[in-house]
Structures are given as C-alpha cells and as structure tokens.
Amino acid sequence: MGGDGKVYTLSQVSVHNTSTDCWLIIEGKVYDVTKFLEEHPGGDDVLLSVTAKDATDDFEDIGHSSTAKAMLAEFYIGDIDSATISKTTTYTPPKQPHYNQDKTRDFIIKMLQFLVPVIFLCVAAGIRFYAK
C-alpha cells in the first residue's frame, strides 16, 4: 500500500476497528491490516482486540519474527499524531458480578440437607455394629 506521509489522529484510527476495516498503531506508525486478518496465525480476534490504541506493547510482547516485522511495511499507510495518544494507561478491571450473600446461605442449607441424613445413617450403622 505504502504511506504517503499522512498523519492520523487516534480518533481517526479508532473508527477502523472491524473485520472489514482494521487499522493498527505500532511504533508510531499506522497500518491497514484488513487484508491480513484472515492470514494472521493468531486469528483475526487478536488483531481486532488491539485496535483503537497503541498496539506496540502487544506486538512486542508476542515476540514476532523479523519476517513478521518486515511484513508491516506492506501495510503501512501513515504515521500517528503522538499528541493524540495518552501516555498513561489507566487499568480498569473487568466487571464482575457482586458477591451475593444469599447464595452462601442456600449453599449451607443444601449441605445440611445432605449431611444430616448421612450422619444419621452413620450413627445408626455404628450403634448396630457396636450393639452386636
């Protein structure tokens, strides 16, 4: 494709985040990897999950080969305006359901419903065994 020196903002790149139009930011450069989605060894979900952000760390963490890094050149379309990328990333933990106290009570009741008859059977068997 070849870049013509065009500079994109993060908001411009962010809208290209689908399987029919996928752009990535790696080391300050913008790549249109739409044609490569089906060929990517890790699957298209891996690439789609790093859209709309600087994917440099994700790209480097995987440990891509020099061949993979050389392939980037054919997908290069321009540079990113570094002023539009946040320098600090804030971690937001995944949303998890709140702990439900009521389920603990239900669990205890179910355990007692199981254990009480088992205890009675053991006591009855013990009495019968020792009574002989």
C-alpha atoms as a PDB file:
ATOM      1  CA  MET A   1       0.000   0.000   0.000  1.00  0.00           C
ATOM      2  CA  GLY A   2       2.716   2.461   1.029  1.00  0.00           C
ATOM      3  CA  GLY A   3       2.211   5.503   3.163  1.00  0.00           C
ATOM      4  CA  ASP A   4       2.247   8.957   1.686  1.00  0.00           C
ATOM      5  CA  GLY A   5       3.427  10.591   4.912  1.00  0.00           C
ATOM      6  CA  LYS A   6      -0.131  11.191   6.089  1.00  0.00           C
ATOM      7  CA  VAL A   7      -0.557  11.818   9.812  1.00  0.00           C
ATOM      8  CA  TYR A   8      -3.619  10.366  11.529  1.00  0.00           C
ATOM      9  CA  THR A   9      -5.104  11.113  14.934  1.00  0.00           C
ATOM     10  CA  LEU A  10      -6.101   8.385  17.370  1.00  0.00           C
ATOM     11  CA  SER A  11      -9.777   9.179  16.806  1.00  0.00           C
ATOM     12  CA  GLN A  12      -9.349   8.726  13.046  1.00  0.00           C
ATOM     13  CA  VAL A  13      -7.656   5.365  13.519  1.00  0.00           C
ATOM     14  CA  SER A  14     -10.135   4.252  16.188  1.00  0.00           C
ATOM     15  CA  VAL A  15     -13.068   4.072  13.788  1.00  0.00           C
ATOM     16  CA  HIS A  16     -11.276   1.379  11.768  1.00  0.00           C
ATOM     17  CA  ASN A  17     -11.921  -1.461  14.208  1.00  0.00           C
ATOM     18  CA  THR A  18     -13.941  -4.083  12.340  1.00  0.00           C
ATOM     19  CA  SER A  19     -13.123  -7.228  10.412  1.00  0.00           C
ATOM     20  CA  THR A  20     -13.819  -5.373   7.169  1.00  0.00           C
ATOM     21  CA  ASP A  21     -11.704  -2.335   8.076  1.00  0.00           C
ATOM     22  CA  CYS A  22      -8.899  -2.789  10.622  1.00  0.00           C
ATOM     23  CA  TRP A  23      -6.092  -0.325  11.356  1.00  0.00           C
ATOM     24  CA  LEU A  24      -3.371  -0.755  13.977  1.00  0.00           C
ATOM     25  CA  ILE A  25      -0.857   1.609  15.583  1.00  0.00           C
ATOM     26  CA  ILE A  26       2.592   0.077  16.104  1.00  0.00           C
ATOM     27  CA  GLU A  27       5.671   2.123  16.989  1.00  0.00           C
ATOM     28  CA  GLY A  28       4.060   5.398  15.947  1.00  0.00           C
ATOM     29  CA  LYS A  29       3.001   4.135  12.530  1.00  0.00           C
ATOM     30  CA  VAL A  30      -0.469   3.312  11.227  1.00  0.00           C
ATOM     31  CA  TYR A  31      -1.065   0.047   9.393  1.00  0.00           C
ATOM     32  CA  ASP A  32      -4.150  -1.100   7.481  1.00  0.00           C
ATOM     33  CA  VAL A  33      -4.114  -4.832   8.239  1.00  0.00           C
ATOM     34  CA  THR A  34      -7.592  -5.605   6.899  1.00  0.00           C
ATOM     35  CA  LYS A  35      -6.251  -7.876   4.138  1.00  0.00           C
ATOM     36  CA  PHE A  36      -4.066  -9.731   6.645  1.00  0.00           C
ATOM     37  CA  LEU A  37      -6.800 -10.569   9.177  1.00  0.00           C
ATOM     38  CA  GLU A  38      -7.591 -14.000   7.740  1.00  0.00           C
ATOM     39  CA  GLU A  39      -3.918 -14.894   7.316  1.00  0.00           C
ATOM     40  CA  HIS A  40      -2.817 -13.898  10.827  1.00  0.00           C
ATOM     41  CA  PRO A  41      -1.622 -17.037  12.669  1.00  0.00           C
ATOM     42  CA  GLY A  42      -3.256 -15.920  15.920  1.00  0.00           C
ATOM     43  CA  GLY A  43      -6.601 -15.257  14.248  1.00  0.00           C
ATOM     44  CA  ASP A  44      -8.405 -12.030  13.490  1.00  0.00           C
ATOM     45  CA  ASP A  45      -9.668 -11.611  17.073  1.00  0.00           C
ATOM     46  CA  VAL A  46      -6.124 -10.948  18.250  1.00  0.00           C
ATOM     47  CA  LEU A  47      -5.718  -8.036  15.850  1.00  0.00           C
ATOM     48  CA  LEU A  48      -9.213  -6.673  16.426  1.00  0.00           C
ATOM     49  CA  SER A  49      -8.638  -6.626  20.190  1.00  0.00           C
ATOM     50  CA  VAL A  50      -5.752  -4.141  19.869  1.00  0.00           C
ATOM     51  CA  THR A  51      -7.444  -1.592  17.623  1.00  0.00           C
ATOM     52  CA  ALA A  52      -8.133   1.957  18.812  1.00  0.00           C
ATOM     53  CA  LYS A  53      -4.958   2.069  20.926  1.00  0.00           C
ATOM     54  CA  ASP A  54      -1.200   1.904  20.617  1.00  0.00           C
ATOM     55  CA  ALA A  55      -0.581  -1.797  19.978  1.00  0.00           C
ATOM     56  CA  THR A  56       3.217  -1.579  20.198  1.00  0.00           C
ATOM     57  CA  ASP A  57       3.482  -3.366  23.558  1.00  0.00           C
ATOM     58  CA  ASP A  58       1.105  -6.106  22.446  1.00  0.00           C
ATOM     59  CA  PHE A  59       3.085  -6.568  19.232  1.00  0.00           C
ATOM     60  CA  GLU A  60       6.426  -6.707  21.045  1.00  0.00           C
ATOM     61  CA  ASP A  61       5.200  -8.960  23.876  1.00  0.00           C
ATOM     62  CA  ILE A  62       4.357 -11.716  21.419  1.00  0.00           C
ATOM     63  CA  GLY A  63       7.914 -11.810  20.098  1.00  0.00           C
ATOM     64  CA  HIS A  64       7.228 -11.536  16.385  1.00  0.00           C
ATOM     65  CA  SER A  65       9.880 -12.769  13.979  1.00  0.00           C
ATOM     66  CA  SER A  66      11.921 -10.455  11.786  1.00  0.00           C
ATOM     67  CA  THR A  67       9.825 -11.691   8.837  1.00  0.00           C
ATOM     68  CA  ALA A  68       6.643 -10.573  10.588  1.00  0.00           C
ATOM     69  CA  LYS A  69       8.187  -7.180  11.333  1.00  0.00           C
ATOM     70  CA  ALA A  70       9.258  -6.840   7.674  1.00  0.00           C
ATOM     71  CA  MET A  71       5.692  -7.611   6.568  1.00  0.00           C
ATOM     72  CA  LEU A  72       4.498  -4.461   8.299  1.00  0.00           C
ATOM     73  CA  ALA A  73       5.966  -2.356   5.508  1.00  0.00           C
ATOM     74  CA  GLU A  74       3.364  -3.521   3.003  1.00  0.00           C
ATOM     75  CA  PHE A  75       0.514  -2.470   5.313  1.00  0.00           C
ATOM     76  CA  TYR A  76       1.945   0.952   6.272  1.00  0.00           C
ATOM     77  CA  ILE A  77      -0.403   3.872   5.462  1.00  0.00           C
ATOM     78  CA  GLY A  78       0.922   6.742   7.582  1.00  0.00           C
ATOM     79  CA  ASP A  79       2.012   7.978  10.985  1.00  0.00           C
ATOM     80  CA  ILE A  80       0.099   8.647  14.184  1.00  0.00           C
ATOM     81  CA  ASP A  81      -0.075  12.082  15.771  1.00  0.00           C
ATOM     82  CA  SER A  82       1.585  11.192  19.083  1.00  0.00           C
ATOM     83  CA  ALA A  83      -0.158  14.089  20.840  1.00  0.00           C
ATOM     84  CA  THR A  84      -3.473  12.241  20.458  1.00  0.00           C
ATOM     85  CA  ILE A  85      -2.256   9.109  22.267  1.00  0.00           C
ATOM     86  CA  SER A  86      -2.443   9.075  26.044  1.00  0.00           C
ATOM     87  CA  LYS A  87       0.950   8.494  27.637  1.00  0.00           C
ATOM     88  CA  THR A  88      -0.526   6.871  30.723  1.00  0.00           C
ATOM     89  CA  THR A  89      -2.882   3.958  30.561  1.00  0.00           C
ATOM     90  CA  THR A  90      -5.360   3.539  33.356  1.00  0.00           C
ATOM     91  CA  TYR A  91      -6.228   0.000  34.275  1.00  0.00           C
ATOM     92  CA  THR A  92      -9.919  -0.708  34.534  1.00  0.00           C
ATOM     93  CA  PRO A  93     -10.623  -4.135  35.976  1.00  0.00           C
ATOM     94  CA  PRO A  94     -13.214  -6.293  34.237  1.00  0.00           C
ATOM     95  CA  LYS A  95     -16.712  -6.024  35.587  1.00  0.00           C
ATOM     96  CA  GLN A  96     -17.545  -8.932  37.843  1.00  0.00           C
ATOM     97  CA  PRO A  97     -20.821  -9.806  39.464  1.00  0.00           C
ATOM     98  CA  HIS A  98     -21.127  -8.725  43.065  1.00  0.00           C
ATOM     99  CA  TYR A  99     -20.786 -11.356  45.749  1.00  0.00           C
ATOM    100  CA  ASN A 100     -24.242 -12.472  46.736  1.00  0.00           C
ATOM    101  CA  GLN A 101     -24.557 -13.253  50.447  1.00  0.00           C
ATOM    102  CA  ASP A 102     -27.872 -15.021  49.889  1.00  0.00           C
ATOM    103  CA  LYS A 103     -26.246 -17.777  47.834  1.00  0.00           C
ATOM    104  CA  THR A 104     -23.976 -18.665  50.743  1.00  0.00           C
ATOM    105  CA  ARG A 105     -26.995 -19.348  52.936  1.00  0.00           C
ATOM    106  CA  ASP A 106     -28.549 -21.518  50.198  1.00  0.00           C
ATOM    107  CA  PHE A 107     -25.307 -23.484  49.909  1.00  0.00           C
ATOM    108  CA  ILE A 108     -25.212 -24.145  53.660  1.00  0.00           C
ATOM    109  CA  ILE A 109     -28.824 -25.324  53.653  1.00  0.00           C
ATOM    110  CA  LYS A 110     -28.141 -27.713  50.753  1.00  0.00           C
ATOM    111  CA  MET A 111     -25.060 -29.077  52.521  1.00  0.00           C
ATOM    112  CA  LEU A 112     -27.026 -29.642  55.715  1.00  0.00           C
ATOM    113  CA  GLN A 113     -29.806 -31.371  53.751  1.00  0.00           C
ATOM    114  CA  PHE A 114     -27.164 -33.786  52.505  1.00  0.00           C
ATOM    115  CA  LEU A 115     -25.030 -34.177  55.630  1.00  0.00           C
ATOM    116  CA  VAL A 116     -27.747 -34.624  58.282  1.00  0.00           C
ATOM    117  CA  PRO A 117     -29.179 -37.843  56.746  1.00  0.00           C
ATOM    118  CA  VAL A 118     -25.641 -39.168  56.140  1.00  0.00           C
ATOM    119  CA  ILE A 119     -24.728 -38.518  59.783  1.00  0.00           C
ATOM    120  CA  PHE A 120     -27.918 -40.302  60.964  1.00  0.00           C
ATOM    121  CA  LEU A 121     -27.092 -43.297  58.783  1.00  0.00           C
ATOM    122  CA  CYS A 122     -23.548 -43.430  60.145  1.00  0.00           C
ATOM    123  CA  VAL A 123     -24.768 -43.188  63.742  1.00  0.00           C
ATOM    124  CA  ALA A 124     -27.392 -45.893  63.125  1.00  0.00           C
ATOM    125  CA  ALA A 125     -24.800 -48.159  61.483  1.00  0.00           C
ATOM    126  CA  GLY A 126     -22.379 -47.521  64.363  1.00  0.00           C
ATOM    127  CA  ILE A 127     -24.985 -48.345  67.006  1.00  0.00           C
ATOM    128  CA  ARG A 128     -25.986 -51.512  65.175  1.00  0.00           C
ATOM    129  CA  PHE A 129     -22.337 -52.543  64.779  1.00  0.00           C
ATOM    130  CA  TYR A 130     -21.461 -51.955  68.440  1.00  0.00           C
ATOM    131  CA  ALA A 131     -24.739 -53.407  69.721  1.00  0.00           C
ATOM    132  CA  LYS A 132     -23.870 -56.875  68.383  1.00  0.00           C
END
